[in-house]
Amino acid sequence: MTKVRVYVTLKPSLLDSAGRTVAGALQKLGYEELEEARIGKLIELQVDPYSEARVKEMCDKLLANPVIEDYRVEVVA
């Protein structure tokens, strides 16, 4: 089986309210050097057999919203 990681993030042009909240909290805790935080999600899949096209299809249909999110796929093993 092949382990695949899918990283999903909001497109850079979109406001990340969760990221702003985290950044504000960290700055209040004394981490003034922090300029920005963005929140995403990590999805791990085990597929057999591995097909790049099929994983991309999974992302486009369910795992990410291509209108507002970007994703990248990393094959682990």
C-alpha atoms as a PDB file:
ATOM      1  CA  MET A   1       0.000   0.000   0.000  1.00  0.00           C
ATOM      2  CA  THR A   2       1.079   3.539  -0.702  1.00  0.00           C
ATOM      3  CA  LYS A   3       0.688   6.231   1.930  1.00  0.00           C
ATOM      4  CA  VAL A   4      -0.290   9.620   0.550  1.00  0.00           C
ATOM      5  CA  ARG A   5      -0.565  12.949   2.360  1.00  0.00           C
ATOM      6  CA  VAL A   6      -2.849  15.652   1.031  1.00  0.00           C
ATOM      7  CA  TYR A   7      -2.236  19.174   2.334  1.00  0.00           C
ATOM      8  CA  VAL A   8      -5.228  21.496   1.893  1.00  0.00           C
ATOM      9  CA  THR A   9      -4.988  25.259   2.444  1.00  0.00           C
ATOM     10  CA  LEU A  10      -7.099  28.272   1.659  1.00  0.00           C
ATOM     11  CA  LYS A  11      -6.061  30.155  -1.457  1.00  0.00           C
ATOM     12  CA  PRO A  12      -3.682  33.004  -0.560  1.00  0.00           C
ATOM     13  CA  SER A  13      -6.176  35.661  -1.667  1.00  0.00           C
ATOM     14  CA  LEU A  14      -8.796  34.516   0.879  1.00  0.00           C
ATOM     15  CA  LEU A  15      -9.060  35.712   4.455  1.00  0.00           C
ATOM     16  CA  ASP A  16      -8.158  32.983   6.955  1.00  0.00           C
ATOM     17  CA  SER A  17     -10.147  33.937  10.056  1.00  0.00           C
ATOM     18  CA  ALA A  18      -8.887  30.946  12.059  1.00  0.00           C
ATOM     19  CA  GLY A  19      -5.314  31.843  11.160  1.00  0.00           C
ATOM     20  CA  ARG A  20      -5.876  35.467  12.220  1.00  0.00           C
ATOM     21  CA  THR A  21      -7.295  34.302  15.543  1.00  0.00           C
ATOM     22  CA  VAL A  22      -4.295  32.046  16.197  1.00  0.00           C
ATOM     23  CA  ALA A  23      -1.842  34.772  15.154  1.00  0.00           C
ATOM     24  CA  GLY A  24      -3.511  37.269  17.484  1.00  0.00           C
ATOM     25  CA  ALA A  25      -3.443  34.850  20.407  1.00  0.00           C
ATOM     26  CA  LEU A  26       0.232  34.007  19.842  1.00  0.00           C
ATOM     27  CA  GLN A  27       1.126  37.699  19.644  1.00  0.00           C
ATOM     28  CA  LYS A  28      -0.701  38.329  22.933  1.00  0.00           C
ATOM     29  CA  LEU A  29       1.349  35.503  24.456  1.00  0.00           C
ATOM     30  CA  GLY A  30       4.497  37.437  23.605  1.00  0.00           C
ATOM     31  CA  TYR A  31       5.407  36.095  20.169  1.00  0.00           C
ATOM     32  CA  GLU A  32       5.626  39.549  18.581  1.00  0.00           C
ATOM     33  CA  GLU A  33       7.801  38.244  15.741  1.00  0.00           C
ATOM     34  CA  LEU A  34       4.849  36.313  14.333  1.00  0.00           C
ATOM     35  CA  GLU A  35       3.446  38.152  11.333  1.00  0.00           C
ATOM     36  CA  GLU A  36       0.839  35.718  10.032  1.00  0.00           C
ATOM     37  CA  ALA A  37      -0.606  32.253  10.614  1.00  0.00           C
ATOM     38  CA  ARG A  38      -2.666  30.250   8.152  1.00  0.00           C
ATOM     39  CA  ILE A  39      -4.628  27.150   9.086  1.00  0.00           C
ATOM     40  CA  GLY A  40      -4.998  24.146   6.807  1.00  0.00           C
ATOM     41  CA  LYS A  41      -5.687  20.455   7.033  1.00  0.00           C
ATOM     42  CA  LEU A  42      -3.686  17.294   6.503  1.00  0.00           C
ATOM     43  CA  ILE A  43      -5.383  14.168   5.152  1.00  0.00           C
ATOM     44  CA  GLU A  44      -3.522  10.849   5.094  1.00  0.00           C
ATOM     45  CA  LEU A  45      -4.660   8.165   2.687  1.00  0.00           C
ATOM     46  CA  GLN A  46      -3.531   4.607   2.091  1.00  0.00           C
ATOM     47  CA  VAL A  47      -4.212   3.524  -1.459  1.00  0.00           C
ATOM     48  CA  ASP A  48      -3.524   0.336  -3.355  1.00  0.00           C
ATOM     49  CA  PRO A  49      -2.684   0.557  -6.147  1.00  0.00           C
ATOM     50  CA  TYR A  50      -1.514   4.177  -6.126  1.00  0.00           C
ATOM     51  CA  SER A  51      -2.678   6.336  -9.018  1.00  0.00           C
ATOM     52  CA  GLU A  52      -1.851  10.034  -9.091  1.00  0.00           C
ATOM     53  CA  ALA A  53      -4.897  10.681 -11.270  1.00  0.00           C
ATOM     54  CA  ARG A  54      -7.244   8.890  -8.861  1.00  0.00           C
ATOM     55  CA  VAL A  55      -5.905  10.766  -5.822  1.00  0.00           C
ATOM     56  CA  LYS A  56      -6.297  14.065  -7.709  1.00  0.00           C
ATOM     57  CA  GLU A  57      -9.867  13.038  -8.519  1.00  0.00           C
ATOM     58  CA  MET A  58     -10.534  12.355  -4.808  1.00  0.00           C
ATOM     59  CA  CYS A  59      -9.213  15.802  -3.939  1.00  0.00           C
ATOM     60  CA  ASP A  60     -11.228  17.583  -6.611  1.00  0.00           C
ATOM     61  CA  LYS A  61     -14.469  15.767  -5.765  1.00  0.00           C
ATOM     62  CA  LEU A  62     -14.391  15.674  -1.964  1.00  0.00           C
ATOM     63  CA  LEU A  63     -11.207  16.460  -0.060  1.00  0.00           C
ATOM     64  CA  ALA A  64     -10.731  20.069  -1.205  1.00  0.00           C
ATOM     65  CA  ASN A  65     -12.957  22.786  -2.539  1.00  0.00           C
ATOM     66  CA  PRO A  66     -11.073  23.919  -5.656  1.00  0.00           C
ATOM     67  CA  VAL A  67     -12.918  27.250  -5.673  1.00  0.00           C
ATOM     68  CA  ILE A  68     -11.417  28.403  -2.356  1.00  0.00           C
ATOM     69  CA  GLU A  69      -8.687  25.876  -1.527  1.00  0.00           C
ATOM     70  CA  ASP A  70      -5.373  24.714  -2.940  1.00  0.00           C
ATOM     71  CA  TYR A  71      -3.935  21.287  -2.263  1.00  0.00           C
ATOM     72  CA  ARG A  72      -0.756  19.372  -2.805  1.00  0.00           C
ATOM     73  CA  VAL A  73      -0.171  15.641  -2.717  1.00  0.00           C
ATOM     74  CA  GLU A  74       2.904  13.997  -1.210  1.00  0.00           C
ATOM     75  CA  VAL A  75       3.645  10.297  -1.633  1.00  0.00           C
ATOM     76  CA  VAL A  76       5.178   9.034   1.621  1.00  0.00           C
ATOM     77  CA  ALA A  77       5.799   5.357   0.945  1.00  0.00           C
END
